Protein backbone atom coordinates (compact mmCIF):
# COMPACT_ATOMS: atom_id res chain seq x y z
CA MET A 1 10.91 12.13 -3.28
CA ASN A 2 10.32 13.77 0.10
CA THR A 3 9.18 11.17 2.57
CA LEU A 4 9.87 10.54 6.22
CA GLY A 5 12.21 7.75 5.13
CA THR A 6 14.20 10.12 2.93
CA PHE A 7 14.25 12.74 5.65
CA PHE A 8 15.64 10.28 8.18
CA LEU A 9 17.78 8.22 5.85
CA LYS A 10 20.78 8.60 8.18
CA VAL A 11 18.87 8.45 11.46
CA LEU A 12 18.70 5.02 13.06
CA PHE A 13 16.43 5.65 16.02
CA PHE A 14 13.11 7.49 16.13
CA SER A 15 12.48 7.03 19.85
CA GLY A 16 13.79 10.49 20.71
CA LEU A 17 11.23 12.28 18.54
CA THR A 18 8.34 14.11 20.13
CA GLN A 19 4.94 14.59 18.54
CA GLU A 20 5.94 18.23 18.02
CA ASP A 21 9.04 17.08 16.10
CA CYS A 22 6.91 14.82 13.90
CA ASN A 23 4.41 17.62 13.22
CA LEU A 24 7.25 19.94 12.20
CA ILE A 25 8.77 17.34 9.87
CA VAL A 26 5.41 16.58 8.24
CA SER A 27 4.73 20.30 7.84
CA HIS A 28 8.03 20.76 5.99
CA ILE A 29 7.52 17.72 3.77
CA ASN A 30 3.94 18.66 2.89
CA SER A 31 4.80 22.29 2.11
CA VAL A 32 6.82 21.42 -1.01
CA PRO A 33 4.88 22.07 -4.24
CA ARG A 34 4.45 18.97 -6.42
CA LEU A 35 4.16 18.81 -10.19
CA SER A 36 1.61 16.03 -9.75
CA LEU A 37 -0.60 18.49 -7.82
CA ASN A 38 -0.33 21.24 -10.44
CA ASN A 39 2.48 22.94 -8.52
CA ILE A 40 0.68 23.27 -5.23
CA SER A 41 1.76 21.63 -2.02
CA PRO A 42 0.04 18.65 -0.44
CA TYR A 43 -0.82 21.00 2.44
CA GLU A 44 -2.70 23.31 0.06
CA ALA A 45 -4.27 20.40 -1.82
CA SER A 46 -5.60 19.00 1.44
CA PHE A 47 -8.00 21.95 1.70
CA ASN A 48 -10.15 20.11 -0.87
CA PHE A 49 -10.69 17.35 1.71
CA ILE A 50 -9.83 18.70 5.15
CA ARG A 51 -10.80 22.03 6.62
CA LYS A 52 -7.94 24.28 7.73
CA GLU A 53 -9.32 24.24 11.27
CA ASN A 54 -8.78 20.47 11.37
CA LEU A 55 -5.21 20.81 10.11
CA ASP A 56 -4.65 23.40 12.82
CA LYS A 57 -5.92 20.92 15.42
CA LEU A 58 -3.38 18.42 14.09
CA LYS A 59 -0.73 21.15 14.47
CA ILE A 60 0.28 20.85 10.83
CA GLY A 61 1.03 24.08 9.02
CA LYS A 62 2.47 25.54 5.85
CA ILE A 63 6.16 26.37 5.83
CA ASN A 64 7.30 29.17 3.54
CA TYR A 65 9.21 27.68 0.61
CA ASP A 66 12.43 29.52 1.49
CA ASN A 67 12.34 28.06 5.02
CA ILE A 68 11.80 24.39 4.11
CA ASP A 69 14.57 22.29 5.60
CA PHE A 70 15.17 18.59 4.97
CA THR A 71 18.23 18.32 7.14
CA ILE A 72 18.59 17.11 10.68
CA ARG A 73 19.24 20.75 11.64
CA LEU A 74 15.47 21.17 11.57
CA LEU A 75 15.24 19.32 14.86
CA LYS A 76 18.14 21.07 16.60
CA LYS A 77 16.82 22.94 19.58
């Protein structure tokens, strides 16, 4: 299961995260295809409910599958 809790299982404090960090994390989590969504990602499935322009305003995007990272290295600057 790929949730924010799983992503930050070893992180104790969230106070150092910026909104940009959170957007990046959510983009990675929601770019993973799910069997329950017929092998499409939640990002792609959201197009049935939310226009891409609105996702762009939220600064949430699709991450190529080969670039998805669920490690803390994602936030290293």
